[in-house]
């Protein structure tokens, strides 16, 4: 119970709590709604960095935090992507990039669950951390959309970053799947497969 009230875990809970507010911001009038959604998402993305940093710096890592942190990220990203597709803020071919990101998140979640049953960890790679950072930047830019400065092509920059994140998503997803397949090939009764 005490682990729940550690600051890193509270930051993670705040990321989950912001999701209904993020969704509600889509129903506000433009450009105010864009600015609110962008600010909420950006603030949540910053807490994603802070909770991990503080947990390590203050030696407050916990099983609850290790479970909740990736769940909070996936819920926040999925909610933002689904709402932006529904409101045509992500459209055309960029929907494919968004779909790649969503599918990878589901795949990695399932893989982590499977490997957890085998008591095998799946550490986050440096490339996956870069993917997450670029993905958060892309979604923040796309949420701001036309409410950003007119001299800066916010939507174009967001689309480019989304495609870069999707490419990194494919690479890191494949890396995780390849690591997981080694354990899937093992027969529980006979030990590791050759």
C-alpha atoms as a PDB file:
ATOM      1  CA  UNK A   1       0.000   0.000   0.000  1.00  0.00           C
ATOM      2  CA  UNK A   2       2.877   2.375   0.811  1.00  0.00           C
ATOM      3  CA  UNK A   3       4.282   1.892  -2.728  1.00  0.00           C
ATOM      4  CA  UNK A   4       1.104   3.419  -4.112  1.00  0.00           C
ATOM      5  CA  UNK A   5       1.837   6.776  -2.468  1.00  0.00           C
ATOM      6  CA  UNK A   6       5.427   7.148  -3.644  1.00  0.00           C
ATOM      7  CA  UNK A   7       5.830  10.227  -5.840  1.00  0.00           C
ATOM      8  CA  UNK A   8       6.836   8.295  -9.003  1.00  0.00           C
ATOM      9  CA  UNK A   9       3.689   6.150  -8.721  1.00  0.00           C
ATOM     10  CA  UNK A  10       1.532   9.216  -8.088  1.00  0.00           C
ATOM     11  CA  UNK A  11       2.923  10.748 -11.286  1.00  0.00           C
ATOM     12  CA  UNK A  12       1.995   7.567 -13.150  1.00  0.00           C
ATOM     13  CA  UNK A  13      -1.529   7.660 -11.679  1.00  0.00           C
ATOM     14  CA  UNK A  14      -1.808  11.300 -12.768  1.00  0.00           C
ATOM     15  CA  UNK A  15      -1.056  10.221 -16.341  1.00  0.00           C
ATOM     16  CA  UNK A  16      -3.973   7.792 -16.218  1.00  0.00           C
ATOM     17  CA  UNK A  17      -6.228  10.386 -14.564  1.00  0.00           C
ATOM     18  CA  UNK A  18      -5.536  12.940 -17.332  1.00  0.00           C
ATOM     19  CA  UNK A  19      -6.940  10.634 -20.048  1.00  0.00           C
ATOM     20  CA  UNK A  20     -10.641  11.572 -19.538  1.00  0.00           C
ATOM     21  CA  UNK A  21      -9.635  15.261 -19.518  1.00  0.00           C
ATOM     22  CA  UNK A  22      -7.669  14.751 -22.736  1.00  0.00           C
ATOM     23  CA  UNK A  23     -10.674  13.114 -24.390  1.00  0.00           C
ATOM     24  CA  UNK A  24     -12.981  15.895 -23.142  1.00  0.00           C
ATOM     25  CA  UNK A  25     -10.669  18.537 -24.633  1.00  0.00           C
ATOM     26  CA  UNK A  26     -11.529  17.257 -28.126  1.00  0.00           C
ATOM     27  CA  UNK A  27     -15.082  18.513 -27.612  1.00  0.00           C
ATOM     28  CA  UNK A  28     -13.992  22.056 -26.787  1.00  0.00           C
ATOM     29  CA  UNK A  29     -14.104  24.688 -29.524  1.00  0.00           C
ATOM     30  CA  UNK A  30     -11.022  25.146 -31.703  1.00  0.00           C
ATOM     31  CA  UNK A  31      -8.361  26.457 -31.183  1.00  0.00           C
ATOM     32  CA  UNK A  32      -8.882  26.375 -27.398  1.00  0.00           C
ATOM     33  CA  UNK A  33      -9.547  22.619 -27.440  1.00  0.00           C
ATOM     34  CA  UNK A  34      -6.343  21.964 -29.371  1.00  0.00           C
ATOM     35  CA  UNK A  35      -4.297  23.995 -26.923  1.00  0.00           C
ATOM     36  CA  UNK A  36      -5.840  22.271 -23.884  1.00  0.00           C
ATOM     37  CA  UNK A  37      -5.376  18.781 -25.390  1.00  0.00           C
ATOM     38  CA  UNK A  38      -1.799  19.597 -26.374  1.00  0.00           C
ATOM     39  CA  UNK A  39      -0.967  20.989 -22.916  1.00  0.00           C
ATOM     40  CA  UNK A  40      -2.491  17.987 -21.117  1.00  0.00           C
ATOM     41  CA  UNK A  41      -0.684  15.492 -23.336  1.00  0.00           C
ATOM     42  CA  UNK A  42       2.646  17.339 -23.086  1.00  0.00           C
ATOM     43  CA  UNK A  43       2.347  17.540 -19.296  1.00  0.00           C
ATOM     44  CA  UNK A  44       1.548  13.821 -19.129  1.00  0.00           C
ATOM     45  CA  UNK A  45       4.522  13.048 -21.400  1.00  0.00           C
ATOM     46  CA  UNK A  46       6.802  14.991 -19.045  1.00  0.00           C
ATOM     47  CA  UNK A  47       5.510  12.973 -16.067  1.00  0.00           C
ATOM     48  CA  UNK A  48       6.390   9.820 -18.040  1.00  0.00           C
ATOM     49  CA  UNK A  49      10.019  10.919 -18.002  1.00  0.00           C
ATOM     50  CA  UNK A  50       9.908  12.216 -14.428  1.00  0.00           C
ATOM     51  CA  UNK A  51       8.367   9.167 -12.780  1.00  0.00           C
ATOM     52  CA  UNK A  52      11.090   6.857 -14.084  1.00  0.00           C
ATOM     53  CA  UNK A  53      13.860   9.333 -13.326  1.00  0.00           C
ATOM     54  CA  UNK A  54      12.646   9.978  -9.780  1.00  0.00           C
ATOM     55  CA  UNK A  55      12.058   6.279  -9.083  1.00  0.00           C
ATOM     56  CA  UNK A  56      15.678   5.535  -9.987  1.00  0.00           C
ATOM     57  CA  UNK A  57      17.176   8.655  -8.354  1.00  0.00           C
ATOM     58  CA  UNK A  58      15.293   8.158  -5.077  1.00  0.00           C
ATOM     59  CA  UNK A  59      15.459   4.339  -5.122  1.00  0.00           C
ATOM     60  CA  UNK A  60      11.665   4.200  -5.129  1.00  0.00           C
ATOM     61  CA  UNK A  61      11.216   1.605  -7.853  1.00  0.00           C
ATOM     62  CA  UNK A  62       8.350  -0.763  -7.148  1.00  0.00           C
ATOM     63  CA  UNK A  63       6.494  -3.620  -8.781  1.00  0.00           C
ATOM     64  CA  UNK A  64       3.411  -1.402  -8.951  1.00  0.00           C
ATOM     65  CA  UNK A  65       5.399   1.264 -10.801  1.00  0.00           C
ATOM     66  CA  UNK A  66       6.941  -1.275 -13.195  1.00  0.00           C
ATOM     67  CA  UNK A  67       3.431  -2.508 -14.003  1.00  0.00           C
ATOM     68  CA  UNK A  68       1.624   0.834 -14.176  1.00  0.00           C
ATOM     69  CA  UNK A  69       4.175   2.902 -16.101  1.00  0.00           C
ATOM     70  CA  UNK A  70       3.893   1.090 -19.459  1.00  0.00           C
ATOM     71  CA  UNK A  71       0.124   0.680 -18.997  1.00  0.00           C
ATOM     72  CA  UNK A  72      -0.300   4.429 -18.428  1.00  0.00           C
ATOM     73  CA  UNK A  73       1.802   5.190 -21.515  1.00  0.00           C
ATOM     74  CA  UNK A  74      -0.168   2.832 -23.742  1.00  0.00           C
ATOM     75  CA  UNK A  75      -3.546   4.088 -22.490  1.00  0.00           C
ATOM     76  CA  UNK A  76      -2.551   7.709 -23.013  1.00  0.00           C
ATOM     77  CA  UNK A  77      -1.099   7.122 -26.493  1.00  0.00           C
ATOM     78  CA  UNK A  78      -4.040   4.952 -27.572  1.00  0.00           C
ATOM     79  CA  UNK A  79      -6.604   7.500 -26.346  1.00  0.00           C
ATOM     80  CA  UNK A  80      -4.823  10.356 -28.142  1.00  0.00           C
ATOM     81  CA  UNK A  81      -4.450   8.427 -31.401  1.00  0.00           C
ATOM     82  CA  UNK A  82      -8.029   7.141 -31.437  1.00  0.00           C
ATOM     83  CA  UNK A  83      -9.463  10.584 -30.728  1.00  0.00           C
ATOM     84  CA  UNK A  84      -7.244  12.270 -33.341  1.00  0.00           C
ATOM     85  CA  UNK A  85      -8.295   9.741 -35.984  1.00  0.00           C
ATOM     86  CA  UNK A  86     -11.954  10.203 -35.010  1.00  0.00           C
ATOM     87  CA  UNK A  87     -11.605  13.993 -35.268  1.00  0.00           C
ATOM     88  CA  UNK A  88      -9.590  13.795 -38.523  1.00  0.00           C
ATOM     89  CA  UNK A  89      -6.473  15.271 -36.939  1.00  0.00           C
ATOM     90  CA  UNK A  90      -4.683  12.148 -38.155  1.00  0.00           C
ATOM     91  CA  UNK A  91      -5.959  11.266 -41.599  1.00  0.00           C
ATOM     92  CA  UNK A  92      -5.014   9.800 -44.949  1.00  0.00           C
ATOM     93  CA  UNK A  93      -1.881   7.677 -45.054  1.00  0.00           C
ATOM     94  CA  UNK A  94      -0.873   8.848 -41.577  1.00  0.00           C
ATOM     95  CA  UNK A  95      -3.597   6.589 -40.164  1.00  0.00           C
ATOM     96  CA  UNK A  96      -1.365   3.694 -41.235  1.00  0.00           C
ATOM     97  CA  UNK A  97       1.500   5.049 -39.113  1.00  0.00           C
ATOM     98  CA  UNK A  98      -0.887   5.424 -36.160  1.00  0.00           C
ATOM     99  CA  UNK A  99      -2.144   1.865 -36.667  1.00  0.00           C
ATOM    100  CA  UNK A 100       1.419   0.505 -36.687  1.00  0.00           C
ATOM    101  CA  UNK A 101       2.037   2.249 -33.350  1.00  0.00           C
ATOM    102  CA  UNK A 102      -1.168   0.899 -31.795  1.00  0.00           C
ATOM    103  CA  UNK A 103      -0.570  -2.653 -33.035  1.00  0.00           C
ATOM    104  CA  UNK A 104       2.981  -2.670 -31.712  1.00  0.00           C
ATOM    105  CA  UNK A 105       1.814  -1.477 -28.303  1.00  0.00           C
ATOM    106  CA  UNK A 106      -0.695  -4.345 -28.114  1.00  0.00           C
ATOM    107  CA  UNK A 107       1.897  -6.857 -29.348  1.00  0.00           C
ATOM    108  CA  UNK A 108       4.514  -5.788 -26.815  1.00  0.00           C
ATOM    109  CA  UNK A 109       1.940  -5.788 -23.982  1.00  0.00           C
ATOM    110  CA  UNK A 110       0.909  -9.337 -24.838  1.00  0.00           C
ATOM    111  CA  UNK A 111       4.516 -10.402 -25.156  1.00  0.00           C
ATOM    112  CA  UNK A 112       5.409  -8.916 -21.767  1.00  0.00           C
ATOM    113  CA  UNK A 113       2.436 -10.715 -20.190  1.00  0.00           C
ATOM    114  CA  UNK A 114       3.483 -14.044 -21.744  1.00  0.00           C
ATOM    115  CA  UNK A 115       7.102 -13.631 -20.681  1.00  0.00           C
ATOM    116  CA  UNK A 116       6.074 -12.583 -17.165  1.00  0.00           C
ATOM    117  CA  UNK A 117       4.413 -15.967 -16.752  1.00  0.00           C
ATOM    118  CA  UNK A 118       7.785 -17.528 -17.591  1.00  0.00           C
ATOM    119  CA  UNK A 119       9.493 -15.115 -15.178  1.00  0.00           C
ATOM    120  CA  UNK A 120      11.438 -13.553 -18.042  1.00  0.00           C
ATOM    121  CA  UNK A 121      11.899  -9.789 -18.181  1.00  0.00           C
ATOM    122  CA  UNK A 122      11.807  -7.768 -21.383  1.00  0.00           C
ATOM    123  CA  UNK A 123      13.977  -4.696 -20.769  1.00  0.00           C
ATOM    124  CA  UNK A 124      13.305  -1.477 -22.646  1.00  0.00           C
ATOM    125  CA  UNK A 125      15.963  -0.788 -25.278  1.00  0.00           C
ATOM    126  CA  UNK A 126      17.537   2.635 -25.907  1.00  0.00           C
ATOM    127  CA  UNK A 127      15.967   2.650 -29.380  1.00  0.00           C
ATOM    128  CA  UNK A 128      12.546   2.039 -27.803  1.00  0.00           C
ATOM    129  CA  UNK A 129      13.112   5.047 -25.539  1.00  0.00           C
ATOM    130  CA  UNK A 130      13.907   7.172 -28.610  1.00  0.00           C
ATOM    131  CA  UNK A 131      10.765   5.806 -30.279  1.00  0.00           C
ATOM    132  CA  UNK A 132       8.700   6.854 -27.279  1.00  0.00           C
ATOM    133  CA  UNK A 133      10.214  10.349 -27.208  1.00  0.00           C
ATOM    134  CA  UNK A 134       9.618  10.925 -30.939  1.00  0.00           C
ATOM    135  CA  UNK A 135       6.117   9.471 -30.656  1.00  0.00           C
ATOM    136  CA  UNK A 136       5.269  11.841 -27.784  1.00  0.00           C
ATOM    137  CA  UNK A 137       6.603  14.814 -29.764  1.00  0.00           C
ATOM    138  CA  UNK A 138       4.615  13.760 -32.841  1.00  0.00           C
ATOM    139  CA  UNK A 139       1.363  13.404 -30.931  1.00  0.00           C
ATOM    140  CA  UNK A 140       1.910  16.681 -29.075  1.00  0.00           C
ATOM    141  CA  UNK A 141       2.438  18.520 -32.381  1.00  0.00           C
ATOM    142  CA  UNK A 142      -0.582  16.864 -33.997  1.00  0.00           C
ATOM    143  CA  UNK A 143      -2.752  17.719 -30.987  1.00  0.00           C
ATOM    144  CA  UNK A 144      -1.739  21.363 -31.294  1.00  0.00           C
ATOM    145  CA  UNK A 145      -2.439  21.266 -35.020  1.00  0.00           C
ATOM    146  CA  UNK A 146      -3.597  24.515 -36.585  1.00  0.00           C
ATOM    147  CA  UNK A 147      -3.676  26.237 -33.190  1.00  0.00           C
ATOM    148  CA  UNK A 148       0.128  26.530 -33.375  1.00  0.00           C
ATOM    149  CA  UNK A 149       2.029  29.469 -34.836  1.00  0.00           C
ATOM    150  CA  UNK A 150       1.085  30.015 -38.502  1.00  0.00           C
ATOM    151  CA  UNK A 151       4.715  30.434 -39.574  1.00  0.00           C
ATOM    152  CA  UNK A 152       5.576  26.922 -38.324  1.00  0.00           C
ATOM    153  CA  UNK A 153       4.216  23.857 -40.213  1.00  0.00           C
ATOM    154  CA  UNK A 154       3.101  22.097 -37.013  1.00  0.00           C
ATOM    155  CA  UNK A 155       0.908  19.457 -38.695  1.00  0.00           C
ATOM    156  CA  UNK A 156       3.568  18.593 -41.284  1.00  0.00           C
ATOM    157  CA  UNK A 157       6.233  18.285 -38.578  1.00  0.00           C
ATOM    158  CA  UNK A 158       3.841  16.138 -36.523  1.00  0.00           C
ATOM    159  CA  UNK A 159       3.137  13.856 -39.497  1.00  0.00           C
ATOM    160  CA  UNK A 160       6.861  13.454 -40.240  1.00  0.00           C
ATOM    161  CA  UNK A 161       7.585  12.641 -36.578  1.00  0.00           C
ATOM    162  CA  UNK A 162       4.664  10.180 -36.541  1.00  0.00           C
ATOM    163  CA  UNK A 163       6.132   8.307 -39.524  1.00  0.00           C
ATOM    164  CA  UNK A 164       9.582   8.268 -37.910  1.00  0.00           C
ATOM    165  CA  UNK A 165       8.009   6.900 -34.705  1.00  0.00           C
ATOM    166  CA  UNK A 166       6.150   4.267 -36.754  1.00  0.00           C
ATOM    167  CA  UNK A 167       9.401   3.167 -38.422  1.00  0.00           C
ATOM    168  CA  UNK A 168      11.135   2.902 -35.040  1.00  0.00           C
ATOM    169  CA  UNK A 169       8.043   1.098 -33.764  1.00  0.00           C
ATOM    170  CA  UNK A 170       8.467  -1.591 -36.420  1.00  0.00           C
ATOM    171  CA  UNK A 171      12.170  -2.001 -35.635  1.00  0.00           C
ATOM    172  CA  UNK A 172      11.757  -2.172 -31.856  1.00  0.00           C
ATOM    173  CA  UNK A 173       8.635  -4.326 -32.128  1.00  0.00           C
ATOM    174  CA  UNK A 174      10.554  -6.806 -34.267  1.00  0.00           C
ATOM    175  CA  UNK A 175      13.455  -6.791 -31.789  1.00  0.00           C
ATOM    176  CA  UNK A 176      11.100  -7.531 -28.888  1.00  0.00           C
ATOM    177  CA  UNK A 177       9.251 -10.214 -30.838  1.00  0.00           C
ATOM    178  CA  UNK A 178      12.512 -11.899 -31.831  1.00  0.00           C
ATOM    179  CA  UNK A 179      13.626 -11.925 -28.175  1.00  0.00           C
ATOM    180  CA  UNK A 180      10.259 -13.336 -27.126  1.00  0.00           C
ATOM    181  CA  UNK A 181      10.183 -16.017 -29.822  1.00  0.00           C
ATOM    182  CA  UNK A 182      13.218 -17.697 -28.274  1.00  0.00           C
ATOM    183  CA  UNK A 183      11.133 -18.387 -25.185  1.00  0.00           C
ATOM    184  CA  UNK A 184       8.046 -19.348 -27.189  1.00  0.00           C
ATOM    185  CA  UNK A 185       9.962 -22.107 -28.981  1.00  0.00           C
ATOM    186  CA  UNK A 186      10.787 -23.793 -25.716  1.00  0.00           C
ATOM    187  CA  UNK A 187       8.713 -26.819 -24.736  1.00  0.00           C
ATOM    188  CA  UNK A 188       7.895 -26.388 -21.043  1.00  0.00           C
ATOM    189  CA  UNK A 189       8.206 -30.157 -20.482  1.00  0.00           C
ATOM    190  CA  UNK A 190      11.542 -30.694 -22.234  1.00  0.00           C
ATOM    191  CA  UNK A 191      13.429 -27.429 -21.714  1.00  0.00           C
ATOM    192  CA  UNK A 192      14.956 -25.128 -24.335  1.00  0.00           C
ATOM    193  CA  UNK A 193      14.494 -25.957 -28.004  1.00  0.00           C
ATOM    194  CA  UNK A 194      17.572 -26.462 -30.187  1.00  0.00           C
END
